[in-house]
Protein backbone atom coordinates (compact mmCIF):
# COMPACT_ATOMS: atom_id res chain seq x y z
CA MET A 1 25.78 105.91 53.25
CA THR A 2 23.95 102.87 51.94
CA SER A 3 26.40 100.59 50.74
CA SER A 4 26.21 96.99 48.97
CA PRO A 5 26.90 93.96 50.58
CA ASP A 6 28.91 92.92 47.59
CA THR A 7 31.31 95.54 47.60
CA LEU A 8 33.79 97.24 50.01
CA PRO A 9 32.57 101.03 50.99
CA LYS A 10 34.99 103.78 50.15
CA ILE A 11 37.54 103.78 52.90
CA GLY A 12 40.74 104.96 51.24
CA ALA A 13 43.46 103.28 48.89
CA PRO A 14 45.76 101.80 51.92
CA ALA A 15 42.91 100.39 53.86
CA THR A 16 41.10 98.85 50.57
CA ARG A 17 44.63 97.23 49.46
CA ALA A 18 45.06 95.72 52.70
CA LEU A 19 41.73 94.43 52.98
CA HIS A 20 42.04 92.75 49.15
CA ASP A 21 45.58 91.47 50.32
CA ALA A 22 44.02 89.70 53.37
CA GLY A 23 41.35 88.01 50.78
CA TYR A 24 38.61 90.26 51.65
CA THR A 25 36.83 91.76 48.63
CA ALA A 26 33.22 91.96 49.57
CA LEU A 27 31.75 93.77 52.73
CA ARG A 28 29.92 90.73 53.50
CA GLN A 29 33.03 88.85 53.90
CA LEU A 30 33.61 91.06 57.25
CA ALA A 31 30.95 89.99 58.99
CA GLY A 32 31.87 88.30 62.23
CA VAL A 33 35.49 88.86 61.76
CA PRO A 34 37.42 90.20 64.91
CA ARG A 35 37.85 94.06 64.95
CA ALA A 36 41.27 93.51 66.30
CA ASP A 37 42.20 91.22 63.47
CA LEU A 38 41.65 93.95 60.95
CA ALA A 39 43.33 96.29 63.19
CA LYS A 40 46.48 94.31 62.68
CA LEU A 41 46.20 94.95 58.83
CA HIS A 42 48.98 97.96 57.56
CA GLY A 43 46.87 100.58 56.32
CA LEU A 44 43.66 99.76 58.11
CA GLY A 45 42.68 102.33 60.92
CA PRO A 46 40.12 103.26 63.23
CA LYS A 47 38.21 105.55 60.62
CA ALA A 48 38.55 102.64 57.95
CA LEU A 49 37.05 100.40 60.70
CA GLY A 50 34.60 102.58 61.94
CA ILE A 51 33.24 103.47 58.32
CA LEU A 52 33.38 99.28 57.87
CA GLN A 53 31.19 98.80 60.90
CA ALA A 54 28.75 101.61 60.01
CA ALA A 55 28.38 99.81 56.60
CA LEU A 56 27.83 96.25 58.01
CA GLU A 57 25.29 97.71 60.25
CA GLU A 58 23.15 98.96 57.36
CA HIS A 59 22.81 95.17 56.77
CA GLY A 60 22.15 93.86 60.18
CA LEU A 61 25.76 92.63 60.49
CA SER A 62 28.79 93.57 62.44
CA LEU A 63 32.27 92.88 63.31
CA GLY A 64 33.38 90.38 65.54
């Protein structure tokens, strides 16, 4: 998948909007954020969380 830590991966418009509304505009900002906190955001489901985790792992990072 190879993503940049400075951008969010393609996860769908509702999930991207939810992250932007919460102040997350770059993948690196999600490192260490608890998965449960992100799951509470409207529009961010299990599929999007999996994509985000996989993208973080490409850079040696992970959700909290």
